[in-house]
Amino acid sequence: SALGCSVVLLLPACKNDLDRVAAMEVADGGPYRVTTEGEYLYSDSGRVRNKVRAGRILEFNGDKPQTLLEEGVELTFFQADGRAGSRLSARRGEIEPGGRRMSVSDQVVFVNTQGERLETEKLTWSQDSNKVFTDRPVKITRRNDIIYGQGLDAEEDFSRYTERRGTGT
């Protein structure tokens, strides 16, 4: 009979825990997962090539699956020897379904290993082509030069680039 009492006493506790879990269901249209201080690693042949960090990652599924990056985004490109190379930062971003393309926006800054600095408001990284590009105004600062342009196409690590319409000093 003591066993029967303990079972009866445990059941309400289990029910309350399940009620709490049910109450935490996400509202329609909301993210199914939210990660704070999250990180994604992209590897090729067992070697980490890129790392994406964000202050907050929101993942949505359903009719329009998407991954939103908020509260600061940093994308690091690693060199062949495994050292961190070029770095891209922005305030927010979005990874398309399948993870093959990422767009970042709002105070985008991309610095390559030569110290050249790209500033723009939106930039897209295509993992399929290993390229970054934008059609927005760009500012590139090099040692003694500042180049302004409208649009840019570059290698994914910003080692080589072409401004679409450039002017400079």
C-alpha atoms as a PDB file:
ATOM      1  CA  SER A   1       0.000   0.000   0.000  1.00  0.00           C
ATOM      2  CA  ALA A   2       2.939   2.337   0.638  1.00  0.00           C
ATOM      3  CA  LEU A   3       4.008   1.604  -2.941  1.00  0.00           C
ATOM      4  CA  GLY A   4       0.530   2.618  -4.170  1.00  0.00           C
ATOM      5  CA  CYS A   5       0.802   5.953  -2.366  1.00  0.00           C
ATOM      6  CA  SER A   6       4.179   6.754  -3.830  1.00  0.00           C
ATOM      7  CA  VAL A   7       2.898   6.021  -7.331  1.00  0.00           C
ATOM      8  CA  VAL A   8      -0.107   8.258  -6.765  1.00  0.00           C
ATOM      9  CA  LEU A   9       2.160  11.015  -5.463  1.00  0.00           C
ATOM     10  CA  LEU A  10       4.506  10.770  -8.476  1.00  0.00           C
ATOM     11  CA  LEU A  11       1.805  10.949 -11.122  1.00  0.00           C
ATOM     12  CA  PRO A  12       0.740  14.533 -10.410  1.00  0.00           C
ATOM     13  CA  ALA A  13       4.382  15.667 -10.542  1.00  0.00           C
ATOM     14  CA  CYS A  14       4.838  14.020 -13.951  1.00  0.00           C
ATOM     15  CA  LYS A  15       1.633  15.579 -15.197  1.00  0.00           C
ATOM     16  CA  ASN A  16       2.784  19.047 -14.132  1.00  0.00           C
ATOM     17  CA  ASP A  17       6.102  18.627 -15.971  1.00  0.00           C
ATOM     18  CA  LEU A  18       4.252  17.573 -19.122  1.00  0.00           C
ATOM     19  CA  ASP A  19       1.915  20.532 -18.766  1.00  0.00           C
ATOM     20  CA  ARG A  20       4.926  22.864 -18.624  1.00  0.00           C
ATOM     21  CA  VAL A  21       6.410  21.312 -21.766  1.00  0.00           C
ATOM     22  CA  ALA A  22       3.076  21.612 -23.595  1.00  0.00           C
ATOM     23  CA  ALA A  23       2.803  25.262 -22.534  1.00  0.00           C
ATOM     24  CA  MET A  24       6.193  25.981 -24.121  1.00  0.00           C
ATOM     25  CA  GLU A  25       5.042  25.097 -27.634  1.00  0.00           C
ATOM     26  CA  VAL A  26       6.029  27.677 -30.221  1.00  0.00           C
ATOM     27  CA  ALA A  27       3.345  29.922 -31.641  1.00  0.00           C
ATOM     28  CA  ASP A  28       2.362  29.385 -35.276  1.00  0.00           C
ATOM     29  CA  GLY A  29       4.961  30.903 -37.579  1.00  0.00           C
ATOM     30  CA  GLY A  30       7.590  31.140 -34.845  1.00  0.00           C
ATOM     31  CA  PRO A  31      11.003  29.506 -34.892  1.00  0.00           C
ATOM     32  CA  TYR A  32      11.174  25.852 -33.901  1.00  0.00           C
ATOM     33  CA  ARG A  33      14.643  26.385 -32.417  1.00  0.00           C
ATOM     34  CA  VAL A  34      16.443  29.432 -30.997  1.00  0.00           C
ATOM     35  CA  THR A  35      20.141  29.221 -30.161  1.00  0.00           C
ATOM     36  CA  THR A  36      22.052  31.886 -28.259  1.00  0.00           C
ATOM     37  CA  GLU A  37      25.751  32.332 -29.093  1.00  0.00           C
ATOM     38  CA  GLY A  38      25.534  29.672 -31.802  1.00  0.00           C
ATOM     39  CA  GLU A  39      28.183  28.423 -34.188  1.00  0.00           C
ATOM     40  CA  TYR A  40      28.157  26.486 -37.481  1.00  0.00           C
ATOM     41  CA  LEU A  41      31.268  24.834 -38.917  1.00  0.00           C
ATOM     42  CA  TYR A  42      31.560  24.090 -42.639  1.00  0.00           C
ATOM     43  CA  SER A  43      34.084  21.396 -43.532  1.00  0.00           C
ATOM     44  CA  ASP A  44      35.425  19.814 -46.689  1.00  0.00           C
ATOM     45  CA  SER A  45      37.291  16.487 -46.678  1.00  0.00           C
ATOM     46  CA  GLY A  46      37.460  16.551 -42.883  1.00  0.00           C
ATOM     47  CA  ARG A  47      38.998  20.044 -42.742  1.00  0.00           C
ATOM     48  CA  VAL A  48      37.109  23.028 -41.301  1.00  0.00           C
ATOM     49  CA  ARG A  49      36.997  25.678 -44.028  1.00  0.00           C
ATOM     50  CA  ASN A  50      34.551  28.212 -42.565  1.00  0.00           C
ATOM     51  CA  LYS A  51      32.992  29.070 -39.239  1.00  0.00           C
ATOM     52  CA  VAL A  52      29.816  31.114 -38.743  1.00  0.00           C
ATOM     53  CA  ARG A  53      29.025  32.566 -35.314  1.00  0.00           C
ATOM     54  CA  ALA A  54      25.947  34.562 -34.352  1.00  0.00           C
ATOM     55  CA  GLY A  55      24.572  36.084 -31.175  1.00  0.00           C
ATOM     56  CA  ARG A  56      21.244  34.426 -31.864  1.00  0.00           C
ATOM     57  CA  ILE A  57      20.186  31.823 -34.443  1.00  0.00           C
ATOM     58  CA  LEU A  58      16.492  31.313 -35.248  1.00  0.00           C
ATOM     59  CA  GLU A  59      15.536  28.239 -37.275  1.00  0.00           C
ATOM     60  CA  PHE A  60      12.162  27.997 -39.011  1.00  0.00           C
ATOM     61  CA  ASN A  61      10.643  25.058 -40.865  1.00  0.00           C
ATOM     62  CA  GLY A  62       7.316  24.543 -42.595  1.00  0.00           C
ATOM     63  CA  ASP A  63       6.328  26.206 -45.871  1.00  0.00           C
ATOM     64  CA  LYS A  64       9.320  28.597 -45.832  1.00  0.00           C
ATOM     65  CA  PRO A  65      12.238  26.973 -43.996  1.00  0.00           C
ATOM     66  CA  GLN A  66      14.981  29.454 -43.176  1.00  0.00           C
ATOM     67  CA  THR A  67      17.701  30.227 -40.671  1.00  0.00           C
ATOM     68  CA  LEU A  68      18.048  33.797 -39.410  1.00  0.00           C
ATOM     69  CA  LEU A  69      21.197  35.100 -37.743  1.00  0.00           C
ATOM     70  CA  GLU A  70      20.781  38.053 -35.384  1.00  0.00           C
ATOM     71  CA  GLU A  71      22.655  40.089 -32.795  1.00  0.00           C
ATOM     72  CA  GLY A  72      25.925  40.032 -34.704  1.00  0.00           C
ATOM     73  CA  VAL A  73      27.274  37.609 -37.303  1.00  0.00           C
ATOM     74  CA  GLU A  74      30.894  36.636 -37.940  1.00  0.00           C
ATOM     75  CA  LEU A  75      32.085  34.404 -40.781  1.00  0.00           C
ATOM     76  CA  THR A  76      35.709  33.235 -40.634  1.00  0.00           C
ATOM     77  CA  PHE A  77      37.469  31.702 -43.637  1.00  0.00           C
ATOM     78  CA  PHE A  78      40.302  29.316 -42.709  1.00  0.00           C
ATOM     79  CA  GLN A  79      43.501  29.051 -44.725  1.00  0.00           C
ATOM     80  CA  ALA A  80      44.888  25.748 -46.055  1.00  0.00           C
ATOM     81  CA  ASP A  81      47.166  25.427 -43.000  1.00  0.00           C
ATOM     82  CA  GLY A  82      44.155  25.692 -40.645  1.00  0.00           C
ATOM     83  CA  ARG A  83      44.829  29.243 -39.452  1.00  0.00           C
ATOM     84  CA  ALA A  84      42.017  31.798 -39.421  1.00  0.00           C
ATOM     85  CA  GLY A  85      42.181  34.033 -42.479  1.00  0.00           C
ATOM     86  CA  SER A  86      39.684  36.573 -43.789  1.00  0.00           C
ATOM     87  CA  ARG A  87      36.825  37.669 -41.529  1.00  0.00           C
ATOM     88  CA  LEU A  88      33.381  38.937 -42.432  1.00  0.00           C
ATOM     89  CA  SER A  89      31.104  40.593 -39.884  1.00  0.00           C
ATOM     90  CA  ALA A  90      27.607  42.057 -40.007  1.00  0.00           C
ATOM     91  CA  ARG A  91      24.699  42.746 -37.698  1.00  0.00           C
ATOM     92  CA  ARG A  92      22.355  40.123 -39.214  1.00  0.00           C
ATOM     93  CA  GLY A  93      22.191  37.366 -41.786  1.00  0.00           C
ATOM     94  CA  GLU A  94      20.164  34.590 -43.352  1.00  0.00           C
ATOM     95  CA  ILE A  95      21.180  31.099 -44.428  1.00  0.00           C
ATOM     96  CA  GLU A  96      19.080  29.756 -47.285  1.00  0.00           C
ATOM     97  CA  PRO A  97      17.556  26.258 -47.033  1.00  0.00           C
ATOM     98  CA  GLY A  98      20.239  23.679 -47.748  1.00  0.00           C
ATOM     99  CA  GLY A  99      22.937  25.945 -46.334  1.00  0.00           C
ATOM    100  CA  ARG A 100      24.631  26.636 -49.667  1.00  0.00           C
ATOM    101  CA  ARG A 101      24.159  30.422 -49.611  1.00  0.00           C
ATOM    102  CA  MET A 102      24.253  33.039 -46.874  1.00  0.00           C
ATOM    103  CA  SER A 103      23.394  36.735 -47.075  1.00  0.00           C
ATOM    104  CA  VAL A 104      24.524  39.229 -44.452  1.00  0.00           C
ATOM    105  CA  SER A 105      23.368  42.804 -44.038  1.00  0.00           C
ATOM    106  CA  ASP A 106      23.619  45.937 -41.947  1.00  0.00           C
ATOM    107  CA  GLN A 107      27.147  47.238 -41.325  1.00  0.00           C
ATOM    108  CA  VAL A 108      28.937  44.558 -43.321  1.00  0.00           C
ATOM    109  CA  VAL A 109      32.734  44.616 -42.935  1.00  0.00           C
ATOM    110  CA  PHE A 110      35.023  42.109 -44.663  1.00  0.00           C
ATOM    111  CA  VAL A 111      38.784  42.150 -43.991  1.00  0.00           C
ATOM    112  CA  ASN A 112      41.150  39.899 -45.939  1.00  0.00           C
ATOM    113  CA  THR A 113      44.582  38.592 -44.955  1.00  0.00           C
ATOM    114  CA  GLN A 114      46.285  41.535 -46.716  1.00  0.00           C
ATOM    115  CA  GLY A 115      44.412  43.977 -44.475  1.00  0.00           C
ATOM    116  CA  GLU A 116      42.126  45.255 -47.241  1.00  0.00           C
ATOM    117  CA  ARG A 117      38.737  46.247 -45.868  1.00  0.00           C
ATOM    118  CA  LEU A 118      35.386  46.076 -47.665  1.00  0.00           C
ATOM    119  CA  GLU A 119      32.374  47.944 -46.268  1.00  0.00           C
ATOM    120  CA  THR A 120      28.857  47.590 -47.654  1.00  0.00           C
ATOM    121  CA  GLU A 121      25.275  47.113 -46.487  1.00  0.00           C
ATOM    122  CA  LYS A 122      24.592  43.683 -47.990  1.00  0.00           C
ATOM    123  CA  LEU A 123      26.797  40.823 -49.156  1.00  0.00           C
ATOM    124  CA  THR A 124      26.013  37.268 -50.291  1.00  0.00           C
ATOM    125  CA  TRP A 125      28.324  34.270 -49.912  1.00  0.00           C
ATOM    126  CA  SER A 126      27.701  31.350 -52.266  1.00  0.00           C
ATOM    127  CA  GLN A 127      29.345  28.187 -50.989  1.00  0.00           C
ATOM    128  CA  ASP A 128      28.614  26.472 -54.333  1.00  0.00           C
ATOM    129  CA  SER A 129      30.777  28.890 -56.333  1.00  0.00           C
ATOM    130  CA  ASN A 130      33.124  29.971 -53.487  1.00  0.00           C
ATOM    131  CA  LYS A 131      32.251  33.614 -54.294  1.00  0.00           C
ATOM    132  CA  VAL A 132      30.900  36.654 -52.486  1.00  0.00           C
ATOM    133  CA  PHE A 133      29.006  39.384 -54.278  1.00  0.00           C
ATOM    134  CA  THR A 134      26.839  42.455 -53.870  1.00  0.00           C
ATOM    135  CA  ASP A 135      25.054  44.952 -56.083  1.00  0.00           C
ATOM    136  CA  ARG A 136      25.094  47.608 -53.320  1.00  0.00           C
ATOM    137  CA  PRO A 137      27.526  50.522 -52.918  1.00  0.00           C
ATOM    138  CA  VAL A 138      30.937  49.391 -51.634  1.00  0.00           C
ATOM    139  CA  LYS A 139      33.940  51.069 -50.037  1.00  0.00           C
ATOM    140  CA  ILE A 140      37.310  49.293 -50.166  1.00  0.00           C
ATOM    141  CA  THR A 141      40.163  50.634 -48.075  1.00  0.00           C
ATOM    142  CA  ARG A 142      43.697  49.555 -48.978  1.00  0.00           C
ATOM    143  CA  ARG A 143      47.021  50.899 -47.734  1.00  0.00           C
ATOM    144  CA  ASN A 144      46.947  54.277 -49.483  1.00  0.00           C
ATOM    145  CA  ASP A 145      43.755  53.958 -51.497  1.00  0.00           C
ATOM    146  CA  ILE A 146      40.042  54.206 -50.955  1.00  0.00           C
ATOM    147  CA  ILE A 147      37.893  52.798 -53.728  1.00  0.00           C
ATOM    148  CA  TYR A 148      34.164  53.396 -53.998  1.00  0.00           C
ATOM    149  CA  GLY A 149      31.975  51.377 -56.290  1.00  0.00           C
ATOM    150  CA  GLN A 150      28.560  50.035 -57.074  1.00  0.00           C
ATOM    151  CA  GLY A 151      28.632  46.266 -56.754  1.00  0.00           C
ATOM    152  CA  LEU A 152      31.435  43.768 -56.300  1.00  0.00           C
ATOM    153  CA  ASP A 153      32.343  40.174 -57.154  1.00  0.00           C
ATOM    154  CA  ALA A 154      35.084  38.434 -55.162  1.00  0.00           C
ATOM    155  CA  GLU A 155      36.656  35.168 -54.137  1.00  0.00           C
ATOM    156  CA  GLU A 156      34.976  33.886 -50.963  1.00  0.00           C
ATOM    157  CA  ASP A 157      37.967  34.904 -48.820  1.00  0.00           C
ATOM    158  CA  PHE A 158      38.149  38.387 -50.457  1.00  0.00           C
ATOM    159  CA  SER A 159      41.667  37.611 -51.731  1.00  0.00           C
ATOM    160  CA  ARG A 160      40.765  38.782 -55.252  1.00  0.00           C
ATOM    161  CA  TYR A 161      37.875  41.028 -56.240  1.00  0.00           C
ATOM    162  CA  THR A 162      36.396  43.112 -59.020  1.00  0.00           C
ATOM    163  CA  GLU A 163      34.317  46.244 -58.469  1.00  0.00           C
ATOM    164  CA  ARG A 164      31.509  46.515 -60.967  1.00  0.00           C
ATOM    165  CA  ARG A 165      31.583  50.336 -61.263  1.00  0.00           C
ATOM    166  CA  GLY A 166      34.418  51.899 -59.325  1.00  0.00           C
ATOM    167  CA  THR A 167      35.838  55.299 -58.501  1.00  0.00           C
ATOM    168  CA  GLY A 168      38.522  56.090 -55.963  1.00  0.00           C
ATOM    169  CA  THR A 169      41.368  58.132 -54.581  1.00  0.00           C
END
